[in-house]
Amino acid sequence: MEKVIKKCQFCAMNRLELLHQLLAEQPTDAFTLFALAKEYEKTSDLANALQYYSKLREINPNYVGLYYHLGKLQELLDKPEAAIATYKEGMIVAKAAKDMHAYGELNGARMIIDDED
């Protein structure tokens, strides 16, 4: 079992290295920023995950998939107000993109932690 864990950790490091190389080549690529954030989440490096989600939000605020995952991370970091604001912002972006599936997911996530509705 220990060998399997070490192998998986090695694979995660390889993915991180590859993603960083891709980001060096295209520093504003939304998918690469999102993938880096998710990869850091998988390794429990939540500070770096938050950093890459935040960078993606600055570079491409219309990246609909960002908002659900960023909100969930903010919930995990015990920042419910930030998560609610992120979900609401994401709902606006999803509605503008006519992505009603994402809108519904964001609204559902918001309703679970938001006492106002």
Protein backbone atom coordinates (compact mmCIF):
# COMPACT_ATOMS: atom_id res chain seq x y z
CA MET A 1 0.00 0.00 0.00
CA GLU A 2 2.84 2.40 0.80
CA LYS A 3 4.23 1.97 -2.73
CA VAL A 4 0.84 2.83 -4.19
CA ILE A 5 0.64 6.00 -2.08
CA LYS A 6 4.16 7.04 -3.07
CA LYS A 7 3.35 6.37 -6.73
CA CYS A 8 0.18 8.47 -6.52
CA GLN A 9 2.08 11.31 -4.86
CA PHE A 10 4.67 11.11 -7.62
CA CYS A 11 1.93 11.27 -10.26
CA ALA A 12 0.44 14.32 -8.57
CA MET A 13 3.83 16.02 -8.58
CA ASN A 14 4.27 15.20 -12.24
CA ARG A 15 0.87 16.70 -13.02
CA LEU A 16 1.74 19.83 -11.07
CA GLU A 17 5.06 20.14 -12.87
CA LEU A 18 3.38 19.68 -16.24
CA LEU A 19 0.68 22.22 -15.44
CA HIS A 20 3.27 24.76 -14.31
CA GLN A 21 5.14 24.26 -17.57
CA LEU A 22 1.93 24.82 -19.51
CA LEU A 23 1.20 27.93 -17.48
CA ALA A 24 4.70 29.28 -18.18
CA GLU A 25 3.95 28.93 -21.89
CA GLN A 26 0.46 30.47 -21.65
CA PRO A 27 0.14 32.42 -18.39
CA THR A 28 -3.46 33.45 -19.01
CA ASP A 29 -4.86 30.07 -20.05
CA ALA A 30 -8.05 29.64 -18.03
CA PHE A 31 -8.14 25.87 -18.20
CA THR A 32 -4.56 25.54 -16.95
CA LEU A 33 -5.22 27.89 -14.04
CA PHE A 34 -8.35 25.93 -13.16
CA ALA A 35 -6.50 22.61 -13.44
CA LEU A 36 -3.73 23.88 -11.17
CA ALA A 37 -6.25 24.95 -8.55
CA LYS A 38 -7.95 21.54 -8.68
CA GLU A 39 -4.62 19.72 -8.50
CA TYR A 40 -3.58 21.71 -5.44
CA GLU A 41 -6.93 20.90 -3.86
CA LYS A 42 -6.24 17.19 -4.42
CA THR A 43 -2.93 17.53 -2.57
CA SER A 44 -4.64 19.46 0.27
CA ASP A 45 -2.61 22.58 -0.52
CA LEU A 46 -5.61 24.84 -0.10
CA ALA A 47 -3.62 28.08 -0.02
CA ASN A 48 -2.23 27.43 -3.50
CA ALA A 49 -5.62 26.25 -4.73
CA LEU A 50 -7.14 29.52 -3.55
CA GLN A 51 -4.31 31.47 -5.19
CA TYR A 52 -4.94 29.88 -8.60
CA TYR A 53 -8.73 30.23 -8.37
CA SER A 54 -8.24 33.90 -7.49
CA LYS A 55 -5.85 34.42 -10.38
CA LEU A 56 -8.33 32.77 -12.75
CA ARG A 57 -11.09 35.02 -11.43
CA GLU A 58 -8.95 38.09 -12.18
CA ILE A 59 -7.90 36.93 -15.65
CA ASN A 60 -11.16 35.40 -16.83
CA PRO A 61 -14.15 36.30 -14.63
CA ASN A 62 -16.49 34.71 -17.21
CA TYR A 63 -15.12 31.20 -16.60
CA VAL A 64 -18.36 29.77 -15.25
CA GLY A 65 -16.85 26.58 -13.78
CA LEU A 66 -14.68 28.58 -11.42
CA TYR A 67 -17.41 29.82 -9.12
CA TYR A 68 -18.78 26.54 -7.80
CA HIS A 69 -15.34 25.17 -6.99
CA LEU A 70 -14.08 28.43 -5.49
CA GLY A 71 -17.21 28.67 -3.35
CA LYS A 72 -16.78 25.10 -2.11
CA LEU A 73 -13.15 25.85 -1.24
CA GLN A 74 -14.23 28.96 0.65
CA GLU A 75 -16.74 26.85 2.57
CA LEU A 76 -13.98 24.38 3.41
CA LEU A 77 -11.85 27.29 4.64
CA ASP A 78 -14.78 28.30 6.90
CA LYS A 79 -15.54 31.48 4.97
CA PRO A 80 -19.28 31.13 4.37
CA GLU A 81 -19.85 34.82 3.56
CA ALA A 82 -17.18 34.72 0.86
CA ALA A 83 -18.68 31.48 -0.50
CA ILE A 84 -22.16 33.02 -0.68
CA ALA A 85 -20.80 36.06 -2.51
CA THR A 86 -18.90 33.79 -4.90
CA TYR A 87 -21.99 31.70 -5.62
CA LYS A 88 -24.06 34.84 -6.26
CA GLU A 89 -21.40 36.26 -8.59
CA GLY A 90 -21.22 32.93 -10.38
CA MET A 91 -24.99 32.90 -10.82
CA ILE A 92 -24.76 36.26 -12.61
CA VAL A 93 -21.98 34.94 -14.86
CA ALA A 94 -23.83 31.68 -15.55
CA LYS A 95 -27.05 33.52 -16.38
CA ALA A 96 -25.19 35.83 -18.79
CA ALA A 97 -23.65 32.76 -20.44
CA LYS A 98 -27.10 31.13 -20.59
CA ASP A 99 -25.69 28.18 -18.62
CA MET A 100 -28.75 27.29 -16.58
CA HIS A 101 -27.25 24.02 -15.36
CA ALA A 102 -24.36 25.88 -13.70
CA TYR A 103 -26.82 28.53 -12.47
CA GLY A 104 -28.88 25.84 -10.75
CA GLU A 105 -25.84 24.22 -9.15
CA LEU A 106 -24.59 27.56 -7.86
CA ASN A 107 -28.01 28.50 -6.54
CA GLY A 108 -28.36 25.14 -4.81
CA ALA A 109 -24.95 25.47 -3.17
CA ARG A 110 -25.79 29.01 -2.08
CA MET A 111 -29.15 28.01 -0.61
CA ILE A 112 -27.55 25.34 1.57
CA ILE A 113 -25.46 27.91 3.45
CA ASP A 114 -27.42 31.15 2.94
CA ASP A 115 -30.07 31.87 5.59
CA GLU A 116 -31.63 34.75 3.66
CA ASP A 117 -33.73 32.63 1.27
